[in-house]
Full PDB file with SEQRES, HELIX, SHEET, SSBOND, CRYST1, ORIGX, SCALE, CONECT and MASTER records, all heavy atoms in Angstrom:
SEQRES   1 A   32  ARG ASP GLY THR ASP VAL SER ALA ALA PHE ILE SER GLY          
SEQRES   2 A   32  ALA HIS ALA ALA LEU ALA LEU CYS GLN GLN GLN ASN ILE          
SEQRES   3 A   32  LYS LEU ALA LEU LEU LYS                                      
HELIX    1 AA1 SER A    7  GLN A   23  1                                  17    
CRYST1    1.000    1.000    1.000  90.00  90.00  90.00 P 1           1          
ORIGX1      1.000000  0.000000  0.000000        0.00000                         
ORIGX2      0.000000  1.000000  0.000000        0.00000                         
ORIGX3      0.000000  0.000000  1.000000        0.00000                         
SCALE1      1.000000  0.000000  0.000000        0.00000                         
SCALE2      0.000000  1.000000  0.000000        0.00000                         
SCALE3      0.000000  0.000000  1.000000        0.00000                         
ATOM      1  N   ARG A   1      90.089  83.678 112.762  1.00  0.00           N  
ATOM      2  CA  ARG A   1      89.074  82.686 113.120  1.00  0.00           C  
ATOM      3  C   ARG A   1      89.506  81.869 114.343  1.00  0.00           C  
ATOM      4  O   ARG A   1      88.694  81.498 115.172  1.00  0.00           O  
ATOM      5  CB  ARG A   1      88.785  81.764 111.941  1.00  0.00           C  
ATOM      6  CG  ARG A   1      87.648  80.789 112.207  1.00  0.00           C  
ATOM      7  CD  ARG A   1      87.306  79.953 110.989  1.00  0.00           C  
ATOM      8  NE  ARG A   1      86.756  80.726 109.892  1.00  0.00           N  
ATOM      9  CZ  ARG A   1      85.478  81.072 109.760  1.00  0.00           C  
ATOM     10  NH1 ARG A   1      84.624  80.726 110.685  1.00  0.00           N  
ATOM     11  NH2 ARG A   1      85.067  81.766 108.727  1.00  0.00           N  
ATOM     12  N   ASP A   2      90.820  81.614 114.488  1.00  0.00           N  
ATOM     13  CA  ASP A   2      91.288  80.824 115.635  1.00  0.00           C  
ATOM     14  C   ASP A   2      91.561  81.681 116.880  1.00  0.00           C  
ATOM     15  O   ASP A   2      92.050  81.180 117.889  1.00  0.00           O  
ATOM     16  CB  ASP A   2      92.507  79.983 115.271  1.00  0.00           C  
ATOM     17  CG  ASP A   2      93.771  80.800 115.024  1.00  0.00           C  
ATOM     18  OD1 ASP A   2      93.764  82.035 115.218  1.00  0.00           O  
ATOM     19  OD2 ASP A   2      94.788  80.203 114.630  1.00  0.00           O  
ATOM     20  N   GLY A   3      91.244  82.991 116.797  1.00  0.00           N  
ATOM     21  CA  GLY A   3      91.367  83.863 117.966  1.00  0.00           C  
ATOM     22  C   GLY A   3      92.671  84.621 118.087  1.00  0.00           C  
ATOM     23  O   GLY A   3      92.878  85.341 119.065  1.00  0.00           O  
ATOM     24  N   THR A   4      93.557  84.492 117.109  1.00  0.00           N  
ATOM     25  CA  THR A   4      94.812  85.230 117.149  1.00  0.00           C  
ATOM     26  C   THR A   4      94.546  86.719 116.956  1.00  0.00           C  
ATOM     27  O   THR A   4      93.843  87.114 116.021  1.00  0.00           O  
ATOM     28  CB  THR A   4      95.772  84.726 116.045  1.00  0.00           C  
ATOM     29  OG1 THR A   4      95.977  83.323 116.220  1.00  0.00           O  
ATOM     30  CG2 THR A   4      97.097  85.457 116.089  1.00  0.00           C  
ATOM     31  N   ASP A   5      95.101  87.533 117.835  1.00  0.00           N  
ATOM     32  CA  ASP A   5      94.935  88.985 117.765  1.00  0.00           C  
ATOM     33  C   ASP A   5      95.922  89.560 116.753  1.00  0.00           C  
ATOM     34  O   ASP A   5      97.137  89.491 116.954  1.00  0.00           O  
ATOM     35  CB  ASP A   5      95.171  89.592 119.142  1.00  0.00           C  
ATOM     36  CG  ASP A   5      94.876  91.085 119.207  1.00  0.00           C  
ATOM     37  OD1 ASP A   5      94.776  91.741 118.153  1.00  0.00           O  
ATOM     38  OD2 ASP A   5      94.769  91.598 120.335  1.00  0.00           O  
ATOM     39  N   VAL A   6      95.410  90.107 115.665  1.00  0.00           N  
ATOM     40  CA  VAL A   6      96.243  90.702 114.620  1.00  0.00           C  
ATOM     41  C   VAL A   6      96.025  92.218 114.535  1.00  0.00           C  
ATOM     42  O   VAL A   6      96.349  92.843 113.533  1.00  0.00           O  
ATOM     43  CB  VAL A   6      96.001  90.016 113.250  1.00  0.00           C  
ATOM     44  CG1 VAL A   6      96.521  88.579 113.265  1.00  0.00           C  
ATOM     45  CG2 VAL A   6      94.521  90.038 112.880  1.00  0.00           C  
ATOM     46  N   SER A   7      95.515  92.784 115.610  1.00  0.00           N  
ATOM     47  CA  SER A   7      95.201  94.217 115.636  1.00  0.00           C  
ATOM     48  C   SER A   7      96.419  95.076 115.328  1.00  0.00           C  
ATOM     49  O   SER A   7      96.323  96.046 114.570  1.00  0.00           O  
ATOM     50  CB  SER A   7      94.643  94.610 117.009  1.00  0.00           C  
ATOM     51  OG  SER A   7      93.508  93.854 117.322  1.00  0.00           O  
ATOM     52  N   ALA A   8      97.561  94.759 115.928  1.00  0.00           N  
ATOM     53  CA  ALA A   8      98.762  95.577 115.733  1.00  0.00           C  
ATOM     54  C   ALA A   8      99.148  95.653 114.259  1.00  0.00           C  
ATOM     55  O   ALA A   8      99.524  96.724 113.766  1.00  0.00           O  
ATOM     56  CB  ALA A   8      99.920  95.033 116.564  1.00  0.00           C  
ATOM     57  N   ALA A   9      99.025  94.544 113.541  1.00  0.00           N  
ATOM     58  CA  ALA A   9      99.353  94.548 112.109  1.00  0.00           C  
ATOM     59  C   ALA A   9      98.376  95.421 111.329  1.00  0.00           C  
ATOM     60  O   ALA A   9      98.783  96.159 110.419  1.00  0.00           O  
ATOM     61  CB  ALA A   9      99.345  93.119 111.568  1.00  0.00           C  
ATOM     62  N   PHE A  10      97.100  95.363 111.677  1.00  0.00           N  
ATOM     63  CA  PHE A  10      96.100  96.193 110.993  1.00  0.00           C  
ATOM     64  C   PHE A  10      96.332  97.672 111.285  1.00  0.00           C  
ATOM     65  O   PHE A  10      96.230  98.520 110.391  1.00  0.00           O  
ATOM     66  CB  PHE A  10      94.682  95.765 111.390  1.00  0.00           C  
ATOM     67  CG  PHE A  10      94.155  94.633 110.570  1.00  0.00           C  
ATOM     68  CD1 PHE A  10      94.592  93.335 110.791  1.00  0.00           C  
ATOM     69  CD2 PHE A  10      93.240  94.846 109.553  1.00  0.00           C  
ATOM     70  CE1 PHE A  10      94.122  92.280 110.031  1.00  0.00           C  
ATOM     71  CE2 PHE A  10      92.759  93.798 108.786  1.00  0.00           C  
ATOM     72  CZ  PHE A  10      93.199  92.505 109.027  1.00  0.00           C  
ATOM     73  N   ILE A  11      96.656  98.004 112.513  1.00  0.00           N  
ATOM     74  CA  ILE A  11      96.918  99.399 112.877  1.00  0.00           C  
ATOM     75  C   ILE A  11      98.172  99.898 112.175  1.00  0.00           C  
ATOM     76  O   ILE A  11      98.198 101.002 111.628  1.00  0.00           O  
ATOM     77  CB  ILE A  11      97.015  99.556 114.408  1.00  0.00           C  
ATOM     78  CG1 ILE A  11      95.639  99.294 115.034  1.00  0.00           C  
ATOM     79  CG2 ILE A  11      97.545 100.933 114.785  1.00  0.00           C  
ATOM     80  CD1 ILE A  11      95.662  99.144 116.550  1.00  0.00           C  
ATOM     81  N   SER A  12      99.212  99.078 112.160  1.00  0.00           N  
ATOM     82  CA  SER A  12     100.452  99.448 111.475  1.00  0.00           C  
ATOM     83  C   SER A  12     100.206  99.670 109.978  1.00  0.00           C  
ATOM     84  O   SER A  12     100.684 100.653 109.393  1.00  0.00           O  
ATOM     85  CB  SER A  12     101.497  98.349 111.679  1.00  0.00           C  
ATOM     86  OG  SER A  12     102.672  98.632 110.971  1.00  0.00           O  
ATOM     87  N   GLY A  13      99.449  98.777 109.367  1.00  0.00           N  
ATOM     88  CA  GLY A  13      99.120  98.927 107.948  1.00  0.00           C  
ATOM     89  C   GLY A  13      98.306 100.180 107.671  1.00  0.00           C  
ATOM     90  O   GLY A  13      98.522 100.865 106.667  1.00  0.00           O  
ATOM     91  N   ALA A  14      97.381 100.493 108.569  1.00  0.00           N  
ATOM     92  CA  ALA A  14      96.568 101.706 108.416  1.00  0.00           C  
ATOM     93  C   ALA A  14      97.444 102.951 108.467  1.00  0.00           C  
ATOM     94  O   ALA A  14      97.279 103.875 107.653  1.00  0.00           O  
ATOM     95  CB  ALA A  14      95.498 101.760 109.507  1.00  0.00           C  
ATOM     96  N   HIS A  15      98.389 102.967 109.395  1.00  0.00           N  
ATOM     97  CA  HIS A  15      99.284 104.125 109.496  1.00  0.00           C  
ATOM     98  C   HIS A  15     100.213 104.230 108.289  1.00  0.00           C  
ATOM     99  O   HIS A  15     100.511 105.344 107.833  1.00  0.00           O  
ATOM    100  CB  HIS A  15     100.058 104.091 110.812  1.00  0.00           C  
ATOM    101  CG  HIS A  15      99.233 104.525 111.981  1.00  0.00           C  
ATOM    102  ND1 HIS A  15      98.948 105.843 112.250  1.00  0.00           N  
ATOM    103  CD2 HIS A  15      98.591 103.799 112.924  1.00  0.00           C  
ATOM    104  CE1 HIS A  15      98.181 105.922 113.321  1.00  0.00           C  
ATOM    105  NE2 HIS A  15      97.942 104.689 113.755  1.00  0.00           N  
ATOM    106  N   ALA A  16     100.647 103.105 107.754  1.00  0.00           N  
ATOM    107  CA  ALA A  16     101.472 103.123 106.534  1.00  0.00           C  
ATOM    108  C   ALA A  16     100.672 103.673 105.357  1.00  0.00           C  
ATOM    109  O   ALA A  16     101.182 104.481 104.569  1.00  0.00           O  
ATOM    110  CB  ALA A  16     101.989 101.715 106.227  1.00  0.00           C  
ATOM    111  N   ALA A  17      99.401 103.263 105.244  1.00  0.00           N  
ATOM    112  CA  ALA A  17      98.544 103.782 104.170  1.00  0.00           C  
ATOM    113  C   ALA A  17      98.323 105.280 104.330  1.00  0.00           C  
ATOM    114  O   ALA A  17      98.379 106.029 103.348  1.00  0.00           O  
ATOM    115  CB  ALA A  17      97.205 103.046 104.156  1.00  0.00           C  
ATOM    116  N   LEU A  18      98.087 105.717 105.566  1.00  0.00           N  
ATOM    117  CA  LEU A  18      97.902 107.148 105.818  1.00  0.00           C  
ATOM    118  C   LEU A  18      99.155 107.933 105.450  1.00  0.00           C  
ATOM    119  O   LEU A  18      99.070 108.976 104.798  1.00  0.00           O  
ATOM    120  CB  LEU A  18      97.535 107.392 107.282  1.00  0.00           C  
ATOM    121  CG  LEU A  18      97.447 108.860 107.691  1.00  0.00           C  
ATOM    122  CD1 LEU A  18      96.360 109.597 106.911  1.00  0.00           C  
ATOM    123  CD2 LEU A  18      97.215 108.965 109.201  1.00  0.00           C  
ATOM    124  N   ALA A  19     100.320 107.428 105.841  1.00  0.00           N  
ATOM    125  CA  ALA A  19     101.574 108.126 105.520  1.00  0.00           C  
ATOM    126  C   ALA A  19     101.750 108.267 104.016  1.00  0.00           C  
ATOM    127  O   ALA A  19     102.128 109.336 103.523  1.00  0.00           O  
ATOM    128  CB  ALA A  19     102.759 107.378 106.135  1.00  0.00           C  
ATOM    129  N   LEU A  20     101.448 107.203 103.269  1.00  0.00           N  
ATOM    130  CA  LEU A  20     101.559 107.255 101.812  1.00  0.00           C  
ATOM    131  C   LEU A  20     100.581 108.278 101.229  1.00  0.00           C  
ATOM    132  O   LEU A  20     100.943 109.070 100.352  1.00  0.00           O  
ATOM    133  CB  LEU A  20     101.308 105.875 101.217  1.00  0.00           C  
ATOM    134  CG  LEU A  20     101.412 105.767  99.703  1.00  0.00           C  
ATOM    135  CD1 LEU A  20     102.811 106.130  99.222  1.00  0.00           C  
ATOM    136  CD2 LEU A  20     101.047 104.363  99.259  1.00  0.00           C  
ATOM    137  N   CYS A  21      99.346 108.262 101.729  1.00  0.00           N  
ATOM    138  CA  CYS A  21      98.350 109.230 101.252  1.00  0.00           C  
ATOM    139  C   CYS A  21      98.809 110.657 101.520  1.00  0.00           C  
ATOM    140  O   CYS A  21      98.672 111.534 100.663  1.00  0.00           O  
ATOM    141  CB  CYS A  21      96.999 108.984 101.917  1.00  0.00           C  
ATOM    142  SG  CYS A  21      96.161 107.492 101.338  1.00  0.00           S  
ATOM    143  N   GLN A  22      99.366 110.885 102.692  1.00  0.00           N  
ATOM    144  CA  GLN A  22      99.823 112.234 103.038  1.00  0.00           C  
ATOM    145  C   GLN A  22     101.027 112.639 102.196  1.00  0.00           C  
ATOM    146  O   GLN A  22     101.111 113.772 101.736  1.00  0.00           O  
ATOM    147  CB  GLN A  22     100.131 112.316 104.529  1.00  0.00           C  
ATOM    148  CG  GLN A  22      98.878 112.251 105.372  1.00  0.00           C  
ATOM    149  CD  GLN A  22      99.138 112.163 106.863  1.00  0.00           C  
ATOM    150  OE1 GLN A  22     100.154 111.619 107.307  1.00  0.00           O  
ATOM    151  NE2 GLN A  22      98.213 112.683 107.642  1.00  0.00           N  
ATOM    152  N   GLN A  23     101.959 111.712 101.964  1.00  0.00           N  
ATOM    153  CA  GLN A  23     103.136 112.009 101.143  1.00  0.00           C  
ATOM    154  C   GLN A  23     102.755 112.346  99.707  1.00  0.00           C  
ATOM    155  O   GLN A  23     103.363 113.208  99.078  1.00  0.00           O  
ATOM    156  CB  GLN A  23     104.096 110.816 101.120  1.00  0.00           C  
ATOM    157  CG  GLN A  23     104.814 110.569 102.404  1.00  0.00           C  
ATOM    158  CD  GLN A  23     105.536 109.222 102.409  1.00  0.00           C  
ATOM    159  OE1 GLN A  23     105.470 108.459 101.447  1.00  0.00           O  
ATOM    160  NE2 GLN A  23     106.211 108.931 103.505  1.00  0.00           N  
ATOM    161  N   GLN A  24     101.741 111.675  99.194  1.00  0.00           N  
ATOM    162  CA  GLN A  24     101.328 111.843  97.802  1.00  0.00           C  
ATOM    163  C   GLN A  24     100.161 112.817  97.651  1.00  0.00           C  
ATOM    164  O   GLN A  24      99.622 112.961  96.564  1.00  0.00           O  
ATOM    165  CB  GLN A  24     100.961 110.489  97.200  1.00  0.00           C  
ATOM    166  CG  GLN A  24     102.113 109.497  97.187  1.00  0.00           C  
ATOM    167  CD  GLN A  24     103.266 109.965  96.325  1.00  0.00           C  
ATOM    168  OE1 GLN A  24     103.074 110.514  95.241  1.00  0.00           O  
ATOM    169  NE2 GLN A  24     104.478 109.775  96.807  1.00  0.00           N  
ATOM    170  N   ASN A  25      99.742 113.436  98.745  1.00  0.00           N  
ATOM    171  CA  ASN A  25      98.634 114.389  98.753  1.00  0.00           C  
ATOM    172  C   ASN A  25      97.341 113.764  98.203  1.00  0.00           C  
ATOM    173  O   ASN A  25      96.598 114.391  97.447  1.00  0.00           O  
ATOM    174  CB  ASN A  25      98.999 115.658  97.982  1.00  0.00           C  
ATOM    175  CG  ASN A  25      98.086 116.816  98.331  1.00  0.00           C  
ATOM    176  OD1 ASN A  25      97.585 116.903  99.454  1.00  0.00           O  
ATOM    177  ND2 ASN A  25      97.857 117.708  97.383  1.00  0.00           N  
ATOM    178  N   ILE A  26      97.089 112.537  98.599  1.00  0.00           N  
ATOM    179  CA  ILE A  26      95.899 111.810  98.159  1.00  0.00           C  
ATOM    180  C   ILE A  26      94.705 112.246  98.995  1.00  0.00           C  
ATOM    181  O   ILE A  26      94.777 112.280 100.220  1.00  0.00           O  
ATOM    182  CB  ILE A  26      96.135 110.288  98.255  1.00  0.00           C  
ATOM    183  CG1 ILE A  26      97.191 109.890  97.227  1.00  0.00           C  
ATOM    184  CG2 ILE A  26      94.836 109.514  98.087  1.00  0.00           C  
ATOM    185  CD1 ILE A  26      97.687 108.471  97.362  1.00  0.00           C  
ATOM    186  N   LYS A  27      93.605 112.577  98.345  1.00  0.00           N  
ATOM    187  CA  LYS A  27      92.396 113.057  99.024  1.00  0.00           C  
ATOM    188  C   LYS A  27      91.227 112.097  98.930  1.00  0.00           C  
ATOM    189  O   LYS A  27      90.246 112.230  99.645  1.00  0.00           O  
ATOM    190  CB  LYS A  27      91.972 114.418  98.446  1.00  0.00           C  
ATOM    191  CG  LYS A  27      93.041 115.484  98.546  1.00  0.00           C  
ATOM    192  CD  LYS A  27      93.352 115.815  99.978  1.00  0.00           C  
ATOM    193  CE  LYS A  27      94.401 116.911 100.053  1.00  0.00           C  
ATOM    194  NZ  LYS A  27      95.012 116.996 101.357  1.00  0.00           N  
ATOM    195  N   LEU A  28      91.301 111.114  98.000  1.00  0.00           N  
ATOM    196  CA  LEU A  28      90.246 110.124  97.795  1.00  0.00           C  
ATOM    197  C   LEU A  28      90.888 108.743  97.758  1.00  0.00           C  
ATOM    198  O   LEU A  28      91.957 108.579  97.181  1.00  0.00           O  
ATOM    199  CB  LEU A  28      89.532 110.353  96.463  1.00  0.00           C  
ATOM    200  CG  LEU A  28      88.918 111.712  96.185  1.00  0.00           C  
ATOM    201  CD1 LEU A  28      88.487 111.804  94.733  1.00  0.00           C  
ATOM    202  CD2 LEU A  28      87.743 111.950  97.105  1.00  0.00           C  
ATOM    203  N   ALA A  29      90.204 107.756  98.354  1.00  0.00           N  
ATOM    204  CA  ALA A  29      90.743 106.390  98.330  1.00  0.00           C  
ATOM    205  C   ALA A  29      89.633 105.408  97.963  1.00  0.00           C  
ATOM    206  O   ALA A  29      88.528 105.479  98.496  1.00  0.00           O  
ATOM    207  CB  ALA A  29      91.325 106.035  99.686  1.00  0.00           C  
ATOM    208  N   LEU A  30      89.944 104.501  97.052  1.00  0.00           N  
ATOM    209  CA  LEU A  30      89.036 103.428  96.675  1.00  0.00           C  
ATOM    210  C   LEU A  30      89.489 102.173  97.411  1.00  0.00           C  
ATOM    211  O   LEU A  30      90.612 101.699  97.215  1.00  0.00           O  
ATOM    212  CB  LEU A  30      89.060 103.204  95.162  1.00  0.00           C  
ATOM    213  CG  LEU A  30      88.190 102.057  94.645  1.00  0.00           C  
ATOM    214  CD1 LEU A  30      86.715 102.305  94.961  1.00  0.00           C  
ATOM    215  CD2 LEU A  30      88.400 101.888  93.146  1.00  0.00           C  
ATOM    216  N   LEU A  31      88.628 101.652  98.281  1.00  0.00           N  
ATOM    217  CA  LEU A  31      88.974 100.541  99.150  1.00  0.00           C  
ATOM    218  C   LEU A  31      88.034  99.355  98.916  1.00  0.00           C  
ATOM    219  O   LEU A  31      87.089  99.444  98.136  1.00  0.00           O  
ATOM    220  CB  LEU A  31      88.908 100.998 100.611  1.00  0.00           C  
ATOM    221  CG  LEU A  31      89.768 102.223 100.949  1.00  0.00           C  
ATOM    222  CD1 LEU A  31      89.489 102.693 102.365  1.00  0.00           C  
ATOM    223  CD2 LEU A  31      91.236 101.916 100.761  1.00  0.00           C  
ATOM    224  N   LYS A  32      88.272  98.236  99.604  1.00  0.00           N  
ATOM    225  CA  LYS A  32      87.501  97.004  99.436  1.00  0.00           C  
ATOM    226  C   LYS A  32      86.351  96.935 100.441  1.00  0.00           C  
ATOM    227  O   LYS A  32      86.566  97.011 101.638  1.00  0.00           O  
ATOM    228  CB  LYS A  32      88.434  95.793  99.619  1.00  0.00           C  
ATOM    229  CG  LYS A  32      87.733  94.459  99.521  1.00  0.00           C  
ATOM    230  CD  LYS A  32      87.216  94.220  98.128  1.00  0.00           C  
ATOM    231  CE  LYS A  32      86.445  92.909  98.053  1.00  0.00           C  
ATOM    232  NZ  LYS A  32      85.140  93.053  97.462  1.00  0.00           N  
TER     233      LYS A  32                                                      
MASTER        0    0    0    1    0    0    0    6  232    1    0    3          
END                                                                             
C-alpha cells in the first residue's frame, strides 16, 4: 500500500512453490 516493491519476494516464493511441487510430483494445487 505504501509503494514498496515486493515483486522479488513473490517471484522467489513462486519458484520455491514450483520446486516443491516438482520434487513431490504434485499435479494439482489448492490456492487462495
